[in-house]
Amino acid sequence: MSIKEILQTDVKTINESATVGEAAKFFIDVGMNNAMVCNEKHEFIGILSQRDLLLSAMPDVEEVYHSHVGYQGLNLHFLKSAREKINSSIKYCIVREPYTLLPDDTIVKAVTIMINNNITSVPVVENKKLLGIITQIKIMELFTIPDLLNLE
């Protein structure tokens, strides 16, 4: 069984020209932890994670340290920093050249990439075109197929 047989093709993407605010809204609306990023030509560029987006909103550590704001003030610094960056580009948050799979790759290869790199999904890309993603959940669904060993 190859990846193309269990590929999730209805993947929501975000354009690399999006702002931090647009990306935050995207994550809220779609309810996913990662977003596949494409350019204007619909070519796969990379992945944007909620984690990387949050990191981009963090205030400068030196600035916070020297401000002596205390614990409560730290929250205000974070929110202020996030609001200041709301119109910034996501281009600097994108993980470019992430792990990817080809449609004919094996499920074992997908699981190995996920486990070794502590990630839950891998984009399936061919000739710069995003074909879909494979997720841990989709692979676990295979466990529930009663006659799994006869699928060869």
Protein backbone atom coordinates (compact mmCIF):
# COMPACT_ATOMS: atom_id res chain seq x y z
CA MET A 1 0.00 0.00 0.00
CA SER A 2 1.42 3.39 -0.96
CA ILE A 3 0.78 6.87 0.36
CA LYS A 4 -1.39 7.82 -2.63
CA GLU A 5 -3.99 5.26 -1.50
CA ILE A 6 -4.58 6.95 1.87
CA LEU A 7 -3.70 10.53 0.99
CA GLN A 8 -5.90 13.32 2.37
CA THR A 9 -6.45 15.57 -0.65
CA ASP A 10 -8.87 18.17 0.73
CA VAL A 11 -6.11 20.26 2.26
CA LYS A 12 -6.66 23.91 3.09
CA THR A 13 -3.67 26.04 2.15
CA ILE A 14 -2.53 29.53 2.96
CA ASN A 15 -0.71 31.86 0.60
CA GLU A 16 2.85 32.85 1.46
CA SER A 17 1.82 36.53 1.19
CA ALA A 18 -0.55 36.23 4.17
CA THR A 19 -0.04 38.28 7.31
CA VAL A 20 0.36 36.99 10.85
CA GLY A 21 -3.21 38.13 11.57
CA GLU A 22 -4.59 36.31 8.52
CA ALA A 23 -2.68 33.17 9.48
CA ALA A 24 -4.03 33.33 13.05
CA LYS A 25 -7.58 33.59 11.69
CA PHE A 26 -6.86 30.71 9.29
CA PHE A 27 -5.79 28.48 12.19
CA ILE A 28 -8.86 29.44 14.21
CA ASP A 29 -11.23 28.79 11.29
CA VAL A 30 -9.64 25.55 10.04
CA GLY A 31 -8.77 24.07 13.43
CA MET A 32 -5.47 22.53 12.34
CA ASN A 33 -2.03 22.82 13.92
CA ASN A 34 -0.18 23.22 10.62
CA ALA A 35 -0.89 25.02 7.40
CA MET A 36 0.49 24.06 4.01
CA VAL A 37 1.86 27.20 2.34
CA CYS A 38 1.73 27.79 -1.41
CA ASN A 39 2.81 30.70 -3.61
CA GLU A 40 0.82 32.60 -6.22
CA LYS A 41 1.50 29.82 -8.75
CA HIS A 42 0.00 27.28 -6.30
CA GLU A 43 3.44 25.70 -5.83
CA PHE A 44 4.18 24.18 -2.43
CA ILE A 45 6.50 26.46 -0.44
CA GLY A 46 6.54 24.98 3.05
CA ILE A 47 4.67 24.61 6.32
CA LEU A 48 3.50 27.16 8.85
CA SER A 49 2.78 25.85 12.33
CA GLN A 50 0.80 27.47 15.11
CA ARG A 51 3.94 27.13 17.24
CA ASP A 52 6.06 29.12 14.76
CA LEU A 53 3.37 31.76 14.47
CA LEU A 54 3.26 32.14 18.28
CA LEU A 55 7.04 32.33 18.42
CA SER A 56 6.94 35.21 15.94
CA ALA A 57 4.70 37.12 18.34
CA MET A 58 7.03 36.75 21.31
CA PRO A 59 8.54 39.98 22.56
CA ASP A 60 12.30 40.45 22.48
CA VAL A 61 13.77 38.76 25.58
CA GLU A 62 16.29 41.54 26.21
CA GLU A 63 13.53 44.15 26.03
CA VAL A 64 11.41 42.30 28.58
CA TYR A 65 14.38 41.66 30.88
CA HIS A 66 15.36 45.32 31.00
CA SER A 67 11.80 46.54 31.42
CA HIS A 68 11.43 45.00 34.92
CA VAL A 69 7.70 44.56 34.34
CA GLY A 70 7.16 41.52 36.53
CA TYR A 71 5.03 38.51 35.86
CA GLN A 72 1.78 40.32 34.95
CA GLY A 73 3.58 42.83 32.79
CA LEU A 74 5.07 39.98 30.83
CA ASN A 75 1.59 39.06 29.52
CA LEU A 76 1.03 42.66 28.46
CA HIS A 77 4.39 42.69 26.66
CA PHE A 78 3.44 39.51 24.81
CA LEU A 79 0.03 40.87 23.74
CA LYS A 80 1.54 44.19 22.72
CA SER A 81 4.22 42.42 20.68
CA ALA A 82 1.62 40.19 19.00
CA ARG A 83 -0.57 43.17 18.09
CA GLU A 84 2.40 45.02 16.64
CA LYS A 85 3.18 42.04 14.39
CA ILE A 86 -0.41 41.36 13.25
CA ASN A 87 0.23 42.92 9.82
CA SER A 88 3.69 41.38 9.39
CA SER A 89 4.30 38.78 6.71
CA ILE A 90 4.37 35.09 7.59
CA LYS A 91 7.32 34.63 5.20
CA TYR A 92 9.79 34.51 8.08
CA CYS A 93 7.74 31.92 10.01
CA ILE A 94 7.46 29.36 7.20
CA VAL A 95 9.47 26.15 7.47
CA ARG A 96 10.85 25.86 3.97
CA GLU A 97 11.97 22.53 2.59
CA PRO A 98 10.18 20.44 5.22
CA TYR A 99 10.07 16.67 5.09
CA THR A 100 7.83 15.60 2.21
CA LEU A 101 6.66 12.37 0.67
CA LEU A 102 6.05 11.27 -2.90
CA PRO A 103 2.76 9.54 -3.78
CA ASP A 104 4.48 6.17 -4.28
CA ASP A 105 6.32 6.26 -0.95
CA THR A 106 5.44 3.67 1.66
CA ILE A 107 3.46 4.07 4.83
CA VAL A 108 6.52 2.88 6.74
CA LYS A 109 8.49 5.82 5.35
CA ALA A 110 5.74 8.22 6.45
CA VAL A 111 5.61 6.76 9.97
CA THR A 112 9.41 6.82 10.24
CA ILE A 113 9.54 10.51 9.27
CA MET A 114 6.77 11.36 11.74
CA ILE A 115 8.26 9.47 14.67
CA ASN A 116 11.87 10.50 14.10
CA ASN A 117 10.94 14.18 13.76
CA ASN A 118 8.08 14.44 16.24
CA ILE A 119 5.59 15.64 13.61
CA THR A 120 1.98 14.58 13.04
CA SER A 121 1.60 15.11 9.31
CA VAL A 122 3.73 15.14 6.18
CA PRO A 123 2.90 16.89 2.91
CA VAL A 124 2.83 14.80 -0.25
CA VAL A 125 4.44 16.80 -3.04
CA GLU A 126 5.35 16.04 -6.63
CA ASN A 127 6.91 18.55 -9.04
CA LYS A 128 6.29 21.40 -6.55
CA LYS A 129 2.57 20.57 -6.49
CA LEU A 130 0.93 19.79 -3.17
CA LEU A 131 -1.08 16.63 -3.72
CA GLY A 132 -2.25 16.33 -0.12
CA ILE A 133 -1.05 15.29 3.31
CA ILE A 134 -0.70 12.10 5.26
CA THR A 135 -1.47 12.26 8.97
CA GLN A 136 -0.91 10.01 11.93
CA ILE A 137 -4.68 9.73 12.35
CA LYS A 138 -5.11 8.53 8.77
CA ILE A 139 -2.46 5.89 9.29
CA MET A 140 -4.08 4.79 12.57
CA GLU A 141 -7.36 4.34 10.70
CA LEU A 142 -5.63 1.49 8.87
CA PHE A 143 -5.36 -0.32 12.21
CA THR A 144 -9.13 -0.63 12.26
CA ILE A 145 -9.41 -2.44 8.92
CA PRO A 146 -10.30 -6.02 9.87
CA ASP A 147 -8.56 -7.67 6.93
CA LEU A 148 -5.52 -5.36 6.86
CA LEU A 149 -2.97 -8.10 6.17
CA ASN A 150 -4.79 -9.14 3.00
CA LEU A 151 -4.57 -5.69 1.38
CA GLU A 152 -1.18 -6.15 -0.24
